[in-house]
Protein backbone atom coordinates (compact mmCIF):
# COMPACT_ATOMS: atom_id res chain seq x y z
CA UNK A 1 106.86 79.17 93.83
CA UNK A 2 104.86 76.66 95.01
CA UNK A 3 104.46 75.77 98.77
CA UNK A 4 103.85 72.54 100.48
CA UNK A 5 100.74 70.68 99.50
CA UNK A 6 99.85 73.03 96.67
CA UNK A 7 100.06 72.52 92.95
CA UNK A 8 101.25 74.48 89.89
CA UNK A 9 99.16 75.22 87.04
CA UNK A 10 100.79 75.08 83.73
CA UNK A 11 100.49 77.29 80.60
CA UNK A 12 98.32 74.58 79.21
CA UNK A 13 95.78 74.64 82.03
CA UNK A 14 95.41 78.17 82.59
CA UNK A 15 94.46 78.09 78.72
CA UNK A 16 91.72 75.03 79.50
CA UNK A 17 90.62 77.45 81.87
CA UNK A 18 89.96 80.27 79.58
CA UNK A 19 88.12 78.14 77.25
CA UNK A 20 85.01 79.07 78.27
CA UNK A 21 86.06 82.86 77.76
CA UNK A 22 87.04 82.02 74.22
CA UNK A 23 83.28 80.37 73.78
CA UNK A 24 81.78 83.53 74.90
CA UNK A 25 83.95 85.68 73.07
CA UNK A 26 83.25 83.81 69.82
CA UNK A 27 79.40 83.95 70.09
CA UNK A 28 79.45 87.57 71.00
CA UNK A 29 81.22 88.03 67.75
CA UNK A 30 79.12 85.40 65.73
CA UNK A 31 75.69 87.36 67.09
CA UNK A 32 77.24 90.69 67.22
CA UNK A 33 76.37 91.50 70.68
CA UNK A 34 79.11 94.08 70.96
CA UNK A 35 80.16 92.36 74.68
CA UNK A 36 84.16 91.04 73.15
CA UNK A 37 85.65 94.39 74.67
CA UNK A 38 84.00 94.02 78.12
CA UNK A 39 84.99 90.70 78.07
CA UNK A 40 88.75 91.22 77.28
CA UNK A 41 88.75 93.75 79.70
CA UNK A 42 87.15 92.03 82.37
CA UNK A 43 89.62 88.90 81.82
CA UNK A 44 92.45 91.06 82.30
CA UNK A 45 91.73 92.79 84.91
CA UNK A 46 90.30 89.89 86.89
CA UNK A 47 93.96 87.82 86.03
CA UNK A 48 95.66 90.38 87.03
CA UNK A 49 93.81 90.86 90.43
CA UNK A 50 94.22 87.43 90.87
CA UNK A 51 97.82 87.05 90.48
CA UNK A 52 98.46 90.17 92.40
CA UNK A 53 96.26 88.27 95.19
CA UNK A 54 98.11 85.11 95.06
CA UNK A 55 101.43 86.36 95.49
CA UNK A 56 100.10 88.28 98.68
CA UNK A 57 98.71 85.29 99.70
CA UNK A 58 101.51 82.96 98.89
CA UNK A 59 103.75 85.67 101.19
CA UNK A 60 101.21 85.29 103.93
CA UNK A 61 100.92 81.49 104.05
CA UNK A 62 104.95 81.91 104.41
CA UNK A 63 104.48 83.84 107.68
CA UNK A 64 105.32 82.83 111.20
CA UNK A 65 105.96 86.12 112.87
CA UNK A 66 103.02 86.71 115.18
CA UNK A 67 103.21 90.37 115.18
CA UNK A 68 102.54 90.19 110.94
CA UNK A 69 99.81 87.73 111.24
CA UNK A 70 98.24 89.58 113.87
CA UNK A 71 98.45 92.81 111.75
CA UNK A 72 97.13 90.74 108.72
CA UNK A 73 94.08 89.72 110.50
CA UNK A 74 93.36 93.42 111.69
CA UNK A 75 93.42 94.74 108.27
CA UNK A 76 90.89 92.09 107.23
CA UNK A 77 89.18 92.86 109.77
CA UNK A 78 89.16 96.72 108.95
CA UNK A 79 88.71 96.02 105.39
CA UNK A 80 85.45 93.98 106.34
CA UNK A 81 84.15 96.84 108.20
CA UNK A 82 84.40 99.12 105.66
CA UNK A 83 82.69 96.74 103.08
CA UNK A 84 79.83 96.06 105.62
CA UNK A 85 79.06 99.87 106.26
CA UNK A 86 78.94 100.05 102.24
CA UNK A 87 75.56 97.55 102.77
CA UNK A 88 74.15 100.20 104.77
CA UNK A 89 72.28 102.63 103.03
CA UNK A 90 70.59 106.44 104.15
CA UNK A 91 73.80 107.33 106.28
CA UNK A 92 73.54 111.02 105.43
CA UNK A 93 77.03 112.67 107.42
CA UNK A 94 80.64 111.38 108.08
CA UNK A 95 79.66 111.16 112.29
CA UNK A 96 76.83 108.38 110.86
CA UNK A 97 79.29 106.65 109.02
CA UNK A 98 82.05 106.84 111.79
CA UNK A 99 79.79 105.52 114.70
CA UNK A 100 78.33 102.74 112.31
CA UNK A 101 82.31 101.53 111.27
CA UNK A 102 83.26 101.59 114.59
CA UNK A 103 80.39 99.44 115.61
CA UNK A 104 81.10 96.87 112.57
CA UNK A 105 84.47 96.98 113.65
CA UNK A 106 83.76 96.05 116.94
CA UNK A 107 81.78 93.52 116.46
CA UNK A 108 83.80 91.75 113.65
CA UNK A 109 86.88 91.99 115.92
CA UNK A 110 85.19 90.30 118.85
CA UNK A 111 83.20 87.67 117.15
CA UNK A 112 85.67 86.59 114.63
CA UNK A 113 88.67 87.25 117.09
CA UNK A 114 87.44 85.17 119.73
CA UNK A 115 86.65 82.31 117.27
CA UNK A 116 89.69 82.45 115.45
CA UNK A 117 91.78 82.11 118.96
CA UNK A 118 89.51 79.53 120.19
CA UNK A 119 89.66 77.56 116.85
CA UNK A 120 93.49 78.23 116.23
CA UNK A 121 94.83 77.38 120.10
CA UNK A 122 92.36 75.13 121.45
CA UNK A 123 91.08 72.89 118.54
CA UNK A 124 93.48 72.74 115.58
CA UNK A 125 96.85 73.73 117.71
CA UNK A 126 99.28 73.80 114.84
CA UNK A 127 103.14 73.25 115.41
CA UNK A 128 104.07 75.90 115.11
CA UNK A 129 101.59 77.72 116.61
CA UNK A 130 101.72 80.71 114.48
CA UNK A 131 101.50 79.53 111.00
CA UNK A 132 100.40 81.69 108.01
CA UNK A 133 99.07 78.77 105.77
CA UNK A 134 96.39 77.90 108.84
CA UNK A 135 95.89 81.09 110.47
CA UNK A 136 95.48 83.02 107.79
CA UNK A 137 92.67 81.29 105.71
CA UNK A 138 91.12 80.52 108.37
CA UNK A 139 90.64 84.20 109.75
CA UNK A 140 89.83 85.23 106.33
CA UNK A 141 86.65 82.63 106.43
CA UNK A 142 85.71 83.57 109.76
CA UNK A 143 85.90 87.45 109.33
CA UNK A 144 84.01 87.01 106.25
CA UNK A 145 80.90 85.25 107.93
CA UNK A 146 81.68 87.70 110.81
CA UNK A 147 81.02 90.66 108.52
CA UNK A 148 78.01 89.25 106.54
CA UNK A 149 76.51 88.78 110.19
CA UNK A 150 77.17 91.75 111.52
CA UNK A 151 76.12 93.90 108.74
CA UNK A 152 72.76 91.96 108.34
CA UNK A 153 72.10 92.49 112.22
CA UNK A 154 72.80 96.66 111.70
CA UNK A 155 70.75 96.26 109.15
CA UNK A 156 67.92 94.73 111.26
CA UNK A 157 68.37 96.65 114.26
CA UNK A 158 68.17 99.97 111.85
CA UNK A 159 64.68 98.87 110.26
CA UNK A 160 63.36 98.04 113.59
CA UNK A 161 63.90 101.49 115.22
CA UNK A 162 62.40 102.85 111.95
CA UNK A 163 59.36 100.83 112.22
CA UNK A 164 59.30 101.49 116.33
CA UNK A 165 59.93 104.78 116.33
CA UNK A 166 56.50 106.26 117.92
CA UNK A 167 56.85 104.00 120.58
CA UNK A 168 60.48 104.91 121.32
CA UNK A 169 59.61 108.53 120.95
CA UNK A 170 56.58 107.74 123.42
CA UNK A 171 58.53 106.31 125.91
CA UNK A 172 61.32 108.82 125.98
CA UNK A 173 58.98 111.62 126.52
CA UNK A 174 57.41 109.46 129.43
CA UNK A 175 60.80 109.58 131.12
CA UNK A 176 62.54 106.46 129.59
CA UNK A 177 66.26 106.54 128.82
CA UNK A 178 67.47 105.76 125.92
CA UNK A 179 68.67 102.20 126.73
CA UNK A 180 65.10 101.49 128.27
CA UNK A 181 63.38 102.93 124.94
CA UNK A 182 65.65 100.90 122.58
CA UNK A 183 65.86 97.59 124.80
CA UNK A 184 62.53 95.89 123.52
CA UNK A 185 63.83 97.15 119.81
CA UNK A 186 67.11 95.44 120.64
CA UNK A 187 65.34 92.04 122.07
CA UNK A 188 63.61 91.84 118.63
CA UNK A 189 66.08 92.62 116.71
CA UNK A 190 67.96 90.02 117.89
CA UNK A 191 65.38 87.21 117.90
CA UNK A 192 64.21 88.47 114.19
CA UNK A 193 68.28 87.96 113.20
CA UNK A 194 68.30 85.02 114.69
CA UNK A 195 65.35 83.75 112.92
CA UNK A 196 66.46 84.94 109.91
CA UNK A 197 70.36 83.40 110.31
CA UNK A 198 68.89 80.31 110.86
CA UNK A 199 67.01 79.86 107.75
CA UNK A 200 63.29 80.66 109.35
């Protein structure tokens, strides 16, 4: 089942990998921590999930059809936008969730899509050009980063809206359009998020 450049893991190596779990189970039994059942369930569930993901990735890495790979990347972006949406609190109704889901998907699609396309077709340029073992892991890393950035950006914007609600309402009352009223909030959100992302 291995692909070029991969290493098979023997049952002995898997057993060695599970040794820390065995130590944890022993300590749980010795000190009566009542953690044995959750540990076993967690290990079995994690193993099943890893095996399933491994087979999916093995299949994806072998793909060279651009339509299949594009569909996989779109699926990753959709899953990432849903995961980012779950990080946003205070969304009381389905209309708000749909709006922010669209915003997050659009941000991830544009940001990650352009970055992946540039790196794949301009910088890396593998032969053949559409090869899953290069494109899938690259897209996975970039989509994950785009998801985190989009979620942080939206959270920052919403917090700035809450902080500046009075100012925005005053501008609207004085005749400003919605775009004019929130312009400064958008600028502060982008500046603050940029400083936060840079570690300032």
